């Protein structure tokens, strides 16, 4: 595990900082990360590293397996009991109303190649084949949970419910009193705080128009401002690991593993404070999104009903909204 981590750092120094080409001493991790970081075919990789396709494919698979072992440890909450209030939440604009918020949940769609008999199943609302990937992130822009592999046509709530049930021992459930931020595609339930529906929500709507008016808009503006951490995390992820903009024609299960591996390396770079332009820009500007995610439109499909929501959670949301509005 340590050797894998050290090799990731070596790659970063070599390619991200544009050190001279080193064909003779190229490591497997350098080759692997060059493949996932550049939108080029394996033929280009063959030319770049002067290795056979068989060697490249075998090396890629070996490193992928190693990185997935790293993923088991690194894609998880750093504070499993969620005792600490993150710095972002201590901002007077949000405190103390969001002190018990522990992260954000969303999905992203990753374009994939599938057999012809699975095209309809994997084709989502955007008209191309994707995997629907469920992700949780914290306010340090680290991914703390991921489930990949679902066809793009599957609704977000089905993916979420299956993740909670199937991976219940690994899913970072919110402790009593704590909550994640979710979008309007999820019901407002204990542990999962959703915005008000039918009310202006997305940040561009506020930035290009009047500032929030009333209790509900004030709440939605604060909610959206905090939940954009996951959109920014997706932006960093896909800008850096360009393979996620269109994974090559690998087996479906292997494509799923590549998605998870990219998130593991994302966390590794973040945790080890490796110099990184995208992360640095996000740290300087909490509204900066490195790359807009075309798979995350500003309006998510929703089939949840008002009856799906929890009355106590709705009252809790009203309390926060009133507090924010009265303070503004």
Protein backbone atom coordinates (compact mmCIF):
# COMPACT_ATOMS: atom_id res chain seq x y z
CA UNK A 1 0.00 0.00 0.00
CA UNK A 2 2.78 2.43 0.95
CA UNK A 3 4.65 1.62 -2.25
CA UNK A 4 1.56 2.47 -4.30
CA UNK A 5 1.22 5.79 -2.50
CA UNK A 6 4.88 6.66 -3.07
CA UNK A 7 4.57 5.88 -6.76
CA UNK A 8 1.53 8.15 -7.06
CA UNK A 9 3.63 10.96 -5.67
CA UNK A 10 6.42 10.16 -8.12
CA UNK A 11 3.97 10.37 -11.00
CA UNK A 12 2.66 13.69 -9.82
CA UNK A 13 6.14 15.21 -9.74
CA UNK A 14 6.96 13.79 -13.14
CA UNK A 15 3.90 14.60 -15.21
CA UNK A 16 1.94 17.29 -13.42
CA UNK A 17 5.10 19.35 -13.03
CA UNK A 18 6.36 18.55 -16.54
CA UNK A 19 9.64 16.90 -15.63
CA UNK A 20 11.71 15.42 -18.50
CA UNK A 21 10.46 12.24 -20.11
CA UNK A 22 11.81 9.05 -18.52
CA UNK A 23 10.96 6.12 -20.77
CA UNK A 24 13.60 3.71 -19.54
CA UNK A 25 12.64 3.94 -15.87
CA UNK A 26 8.87 4.41 -16.26
CA UNK A 27 6.88 2.82 -13.44
CA UNK A 28 3.54 1.10 -13.66
CA UNK A 29 1.80 3.83 -11.68
CA UNK A 30 3.17 6.51 -14.00
CA UNK A 31 1.80 4.64 -16.98
CA UNK A 32 -1.53 4.06 -15.26
CA UNK A 33 -2.04 7.67 -14.26
CA UNK A 34 -0.97 8.95 -17.64
CA UNK A 35 -3.69 6.77 -19.18
CA UNK A 36 -6.46 7.99 -16.90
CA UNK A 37 -5.22 11.58 -17.00
CA UNK A 38 -5.11 12.03 -20.76
CA UNK A 39 -7.96 11.42 -23.24
CA UNK A 40 -5.87 9.29 -25.57
CA UNK A 41 -6.11 5.75 -26.85
CA UNK A 42 -3.91 2.88 -25.73
CA UNK A 43 -2.16 3.18 -29.08
CA UNK A 44 -0.94 6.62 -28.03
CA UNK A 45 0.18 5.13 -24.73
CA UNK A 46 2.08 2.43 -26.63
CA UNK A 47 3.95 5.13 -28.52
CA UNK A 48 4.47 7.35 -25.49
CA UNK A 49 6.05 4.68 -23.29
CA UNK A 50 7.51 2.45 -26.03
CA UNK A 51 5.82 -0.63 -24.60
CA UNK A 52 3.65 -3.30 -26.21
CA UNK A 53 -0.13 -3.19 -25.84
CA UNK A 54 0.04 -6.47 -23.92
CA UNK A 55 2.49 -4.97 -21.42
CA UNK A 56 0.43 -1.78 -21.09
CA UNK A 57 -2.81 -3.70 -20.54
CA UNK A 58 -1.27 -6.04 -17.98
CA UNK A 59 0.42 -3.19 -16.11
CA UNK A 60 -2.78 -1.16 -16.12
CA UNK A 61 -4.75 -4.04 -14.59
CA UNK A 62 -2.12 -4.68 -11.92
CA UNK A 63 -1.97 -1.05 -10.85
CA UNK A 64 -5.75 -0.74 -10.96
CA UNK A 65 -6.00 -3.63 -8.48
CA UNK A 66 -3.47 -1.94 -6.19
CA UNK A 67 -5.23 1.42 -6.29
CA UNK A 68 -8.55 -0.26 -5.48
CA UNK A 69 -6.96 -1.62 -2.32
CA UNK A 70 -6.00 1.93 -1.47
CA UNK A 71 -9.59 3.01 -2.21
CA UNK A 72 -10.98 0.73 0.51
CA UNK A 73 -9.06 2.74 3.10
CA UNK A 74 -9.03 6.22 1.65
CA UNK A 75 -12.63 6.61 0.43
CA UNK A 76 -14.11 6.92 3.90
CA UNK A 77 -14.79 9.64 6.47
CA UNK A 78 -11.69 10.94 8.25
CA UNK A 79 -13.88 11.60 11.28
CA UNK A 80 -16.14 8.50 11.37
CA UNK A 81 -18.11 9.78 14.36
CA UNK A 82 -18.53 13.24 12.78
CA UNK A 83 -17.55 15.06 15.98
CA UNK A 84 -15.83 18.06 14.43
CA UNK A 85 -17.49 21.07 12.79
CA UNK A 86 -15.74 21.78 9.50
CA UNK A 87 -14.27 25.23 8.94
CA UNK A 88 -16.62 25.98 6.06
CA UNK A 89 -19.60 25.57 8.39
CA UNK A 90 -18.14 27.96 10.96
CA UNK A 91 -18.70 30.87 8.59
CA UNK A 92 -21.17 33.28 10.29
CA UNK A 93 -23.32 33.01 7.20
CA UNK A 94 -24.10 29.36 8.03
CA UNK A 95 -23.34 28.94 11.75
CA UNK A 96 -24.79 27.65 13.94
CA UNK A 97 -27.64 26.36 11.78
CA UNK A 98 -25.54 23.93 9.71
CA UNK A 99 -23.09 22.88 12.45
CA UNK A 100 -24.41 19.31 12.32
CA UNK A 101 -24.04 19.00 8.56
CA UNK A 102 -21.53 16.27 7.67
CA UNK A 103 -21.34 16.44 3.88
CA UNK A 104 -23.28 16.27 0.63
CA UNK A 105 -24.76 13.47 -1.46
CA UNK A 106 -25.21 13.57 -5.22
CA UNK A 107 -24.75 11.52 -8.31
CA UNK A 108 -22.67 11.96 -11.42
CA UNK A 109 -23.00 10.23 -14.77
CA UNK A 110 -19.82 8.90 -16.37
CA UNK A 111 -19.97 8.14 -20.13
CA UNK A 112 -19.20 4.48 -20.80
CA UNK A 113 -19.14 2.00 -23.67
CA UNK A 114 -21.49 -0.98 -23.34
CA UNK A 115 -22.48 -3.98 -25.50
CA UNK A 116 -25.25 -3.33 -28.01
CA UNK A 117 -27.77 -5.34 -25.97
CA UNK A 118 -27.28 -2.99 -22.98
CA UNK A 119 -27.42 0.35 -24.79
CA UNK A 120 -31.06 1.07 -23.90
CA UNK A 121 -30.51 0.13 -20.26
CA UNK A 122 -27.48 2.43 -19.89
CA UNK A 123 -28.86 5.37 -21.87
CA UNK A 124 -30.03 8.13 -19.57
CA UNK A 125 -31.87 11.41 -20.04
CA UNK A 126 -28.88 12.90 -21.84
CA UNK A 127 -29.16 10.47 -24.74
CA UNK A 128 -25.87 8.60 -24.32
CA UNK A 129 -24.74 5.57 -22.34
CA UNK A 130 -23.52 6.27 -18.81
CA UNK A 131 -23.04 4.79 -15.39
CA UNK A 132 -25.02 6.44 -12.60
CA UNK A 133 -22.49 6.89 -9.77
CA UNK A 134 -23.64 7.70 -6.22
CA UNK A 135 -21.15 9.78 -4.26
CA UNK A 136 -20.83 11.33 -0.80
CA UNK A 137 -18.23 14.00 -0.10
CA UNK A 138 -17.20 16.03 2.92
CA UNK A 139 -16.43 19.74 3.14
CA UNK A 140 -12.74 19.12 2.47
CA UNK A 141 -13.69 17.96 -1.05
CA UNK A 142 -12.88 14.35 -0.19
CA UNK A 143 -15.06 11.50 -1.36
CA UNK A 144 -16.24 9.45 1.60
CA UNK A 145 -18.42 6.88 -0.17
CA UNK A 146 -19.02 5.78 -3.75
CA UNK A 147 -21.12 3.20 -5.57
CA UNK A 148 -20.52 2.83 -9.30
CA UNK A 149 -21.88 0.49 -11.93
CA UNK A 150 -25.56 1.37 -12.09
CA UNK A 151 -27.00 1.93 -15.59
CA UNK A 152 -27.60 5.56 -16.52
CA UNK A 153 -31.35 5.07 -16.86
CA UNK A 154 -31.79 4.11 -13.19
CA UNK A 155 -33.29 6.77 -10.91
CA UNK A 156 -31.10 8.28 -8.20
CA UNK A 157 -33.33 7.11 -5.34
CA UNK A 158 -33.11 3.49 -6.44
CA UNK A 159 -29.32 3.71 -6.43
CA UNK A 160 -29.37 5.40 -3.02
CA UNK A 161 -31.78 2.90 -1.42
CA UNK A 162 -29.78 -0.04 -2.73
CA UNK A 163 -26.53 1.47 -1.43
CA UNK A 164 -27.98 1.93 2.06
CA UNK A 165 -29.35 -1.62 2.12
CA UNK A 166 -26.59 -3.49 0.31
CA UNK A 167 -23.63 -1.65 1.82
CA UNK A 168 -25.21 -0.82 5.17
CA UNK A 169 -22.05 -1.74 7.10
CA UNK A 170 -19.92 0.56 4.94
CA UNK A 171 -22.34 3.37 4.23
CA UNK A 172 -21.43 6.36 6.47
CA UNK A 173 -24.85 6.72 8.07
CA UNK A 174 -25.50 10.10 9.72
CA UNK A 175 -25.60 9.79 13.52
CA UNK A 176 -28.71 11.10 15.29
CA UNK A 177 -28.88 14.87 14.91
CA UNK A 178 -26.41 14.96 12.02
CA UNK A 179 -27.38 15.30 8.37
CA UNK A 180 -26.22 15.33 4.76
CA UNK A 181 -27.31 17.89 2.19
CA UNK A 182 -29.24 16.38 -0.73
CA UNK A 183 -30.97 17.86 -3.76
CA UNK A 184 -34.68 17.96 -4.49
CA UNK A 185 -34.57 14.48 -6.02
CA UNK A 186 -34.40 13.10 -2.48
CA UNK A 187 -37.14 13.35 0.16
CA UNK A 188 -36.52 15.49 3.23
CA UNK A 189 -35.96 12.85 5.89
CA UNK A 190 -33.97 12.49 9.13
CA UNK A 191 -30.30 12.61 8.25
CA UNK A 192 -30.90 14.00 4.76
CA UNK A 193 -31.77 17.69 4.44
CA UNK A 194 -33.34 18.67 1.11
CA UNK A 195 -34.17 22.18 -0.21
CA UNK A 196 -37.66 23.59 -0.58
CA UNK A 197 -39.21 22.51 -3.87
CA UNK A 198 -40.84 24.97 -6.24
CA UNK A 199 -38.52 27.70 -4.94
CA UNK A 200 -35.45 29.24 -6.53
CA UNK A 201 -32.46 27.12 -5.57
CA UNK A 202 -29.41 27.00 -7.84
CA UNK A 203 -26.57 29.46 -7.33
CA UNK A 204 -26.57 30.87 -10.90
CA UNK A 205 -30.22 31.86 -10.40
CA UNK A 206 -29.25 34.03 -7.43
CA UNK A 207 -26.06 35.41 -8.96
CA UNK A 208 -27.71 36.47 -12.20
CA UNK A 209 -30.90 37.76 -10.59
CA UNK A 210 -32.30 39.25 -7.39
CA UNK A 211 -30.89 38.08 -4.10
CA UNK A 212 -33.03 35.68 -2.04
CA UNK A 213 -36.35 36.91 -0.76
CA UNK A 214 -38.29 35.31 2.02
CA UNK A 215 -37.60 32.40 4.32
CA UNK A 216 -37.56 29.62 1.73
CA UNK A 217 -35.29 31.35 -0.78
CA UNK A 218 -32.90 32.37 2.00
CA UNK A 219 -32.66 28.75 3.11
CA UNK A 220 -32.25 27.43 -0.43
CA UNK A 221 -29.47 29.91 -1.14
CA UNK A 222 -27.50 28.81 1.94
CA UNK A 223 -28.22 25.13 1.21
CA UNK A 224 -27.05 25.44 -2.41
CA UNK A 225 -23.96 27.42 -1.39
CA UNK A 226 -22.87 24.59 0.89
CA UNK A 227 -23.94 21.68 -1.32
CA UNK A 228 -21.91 22.99 -4.24
CA UNK A 229 -18.87 21.39 -2.57
CA UNK A 230 -19.79 18.14 -4.29
CA UNK A 231 -20.14 19.83 -7.68
CA UNK A 232 -16.71 21.37 -7.19
CA UNK A 233 -15.31 17.97 -6.22
CA UNK A 234 -16.72 16.45 -9.40
CA UNK A 235 -15.17 19.32 -11.35
CA UNK A 236 -11.70 18.70 -9.94
CA UNK A 237 -12.07 14.96 -10.46
CA UNK A 238 -13.09 15.12 -14.11
CA UNK A 239 -10.71 17.91 -15.05
CA UNK A 240 -7.78 15.92 -13.73
CA UNK A 241 -8.74 12.38 -14.73
CA UNK A 242 -9.96 12.94 -18.27
CA UNK A 243 -10.73 9.29 -18.81
CA UNK A 244 -13.99 9.98 -16.90
CA UNK A 245 -15.18 12.12 -19.80
CA UNK A 246 -15.44 8.95 -21.87
CA UNK A 247 -14.07 5.63 -20.62
CA UNK A 248 -12.68 3.40 -23.42
CA UNK A 249 -14.23 0.12 -24.43
CA UNK A 250 -13.34 -1.87 -21.34
CA UNK A 251 -15.65 -4.47 -19.72
CA UNK A 252 -18.42 -2.80 -17.69
CA UNK A 253 -17.04 -4.00 -14.36
CA UNK A 254 -13.59 -2.67 -15.21
CA UNK A 255 -15.06 0.71 -16.13
CA UNK A 256 -16.68 0.83 -12.68
CA UNK A 257 -13.35 0.06 -11.03
CA UNK A 258 -11.65 2.87 -12.96
CA UNK A 259 -14.21 5.37 -11.64
CA UNK A 260 -13.53 4.31 -8.04
CA UNK A 261 -9.76 4.34 -8.60
CA UNK A 262 -9.89 7.93 -9.88
CA UNK A 263 -11.71 8.98 -6.72
CA UNK A 264 -9.15 7.22 -4.54
CA UNK A 265 -6.29 9.10 -6.18
CA UNK A 266 -8.28 12.34 -5.89
CA UNK A 267 -8.46 11.75 -2.13
CA UNK A 268 -4.79 10.80 -1.95
CA UNK A 269 -3.72 14.08 -3.54
CA UNK A 270 -6.03 16.04 -1.25
CA UNK A 271 -4.99 14.30 1.96
CA UNK A 272 -1.29 14.58 1.27
CA UNK A 273 -1.47 18.29 0.40
CA UNK A 274 0.28 17.72 -2.92
CA UNK A 275 0.57 20.97 -4.88
CA UNK A 276 -2.44 21.04 -7.17
CA UNK A 277 -3.74 23.95 -9.22
CA UNK A 278 -7.42 22.93 -9.19
CA UNK A 279 -7.55 22.32 -5.45
CA UNK A 280 -5.66 25.56 -4.81
CA UNK A 281 -8.16 27.54 -6.86
CA UNK A 282 -11.05 25.92 -5.00
CA UNK A 283 -9.44 26.78 -1.66
CA UNK A 284 -9.03 30.42 -2.69
CA UNK A 285 -12.58 30.75 -4.04
CA UNK A 286 -15.31 28.65 -2.41
CA UNK A 287 -17.58 29.23 -5.41
CA UNK A 288 -15.06 28.17 -8.06
CA UNK A 289 -16.03 25.06 -10.06
CA UNK A 290 -13.08 23.82 -12.18
CA UNK A 291 -15.24 22.07 -14.78
CA UNK A 292 -19.00 22.18 -15.13
CA UNK A 293 -20.35 18.64 -14.99
CA UNK A 294 -22.57 18.12 -18.06
CA UNK A 295 -24.09 15.08 -16.39
CA UNK A 296 -25.31 17.20 -13.48
CA UNK A 297 -27.88 19.56 -14.97
CA UNK A 298 -29.25 22.28 -12.78
CA UNK A 299 -32.58 20.50 -12.56
CA UNK A 300 -32.58 16.88 -11.44
CA UNK A 301 -35.37 14.49 -12.30
CA UNK A 302 -37.52 13.77 -9.28
CA UNK A 303 -40.32 11.34 -8.65
CA UNK A 304 -40.56 11.76 -4.89
CA UNK A 305 -43.80 13.05 -3.43
CA UNK A 306 -44.55 15.32 -0.50
CA UNK A 307 -45.85 12.29 1.38
CA UNK A 308 -42.39 10.74 1.22
CA UNK A 309 -41.04 13.47 3.48
CA UNK A 310 -40.78 13.43 7.24
CA UNK A 311 -42.83 15.99 9.17
CA UNK A 312 -40.24 16.43 11.91
CA UNK A 313 -37.54 16.98 9.32
CA UNK A 314 -39.72 19.55 7.56
CA UNK A 315 -40.15 21.37 10.88
CA UNK A 316 -36.39 21.22 11.43
CA UNK A 317 -35.85 22.75 7.99
CA UNK A 318 -38.35 25.50 8.82
CA UNK A 319 -36.44 26.28 12.03
CA UNK A 320 -33.18 26.68 10.11
CA UNK A 321 -34.90 28.76 7.43
CA UNK A 322 -36.46 31.09 10.01
CA UNK A 323 -33.15 31.50 11.80
CA UNK A 324 -31.29 32.32 8.59
CA UNK A 325 -33.99 34.74 7.43
CA UNK A 326 -34.19 36.59 10.71
CA UNK A 327 -30.41 36.93 10.78
CA UNK A 328 -30.18 38.29 7.23
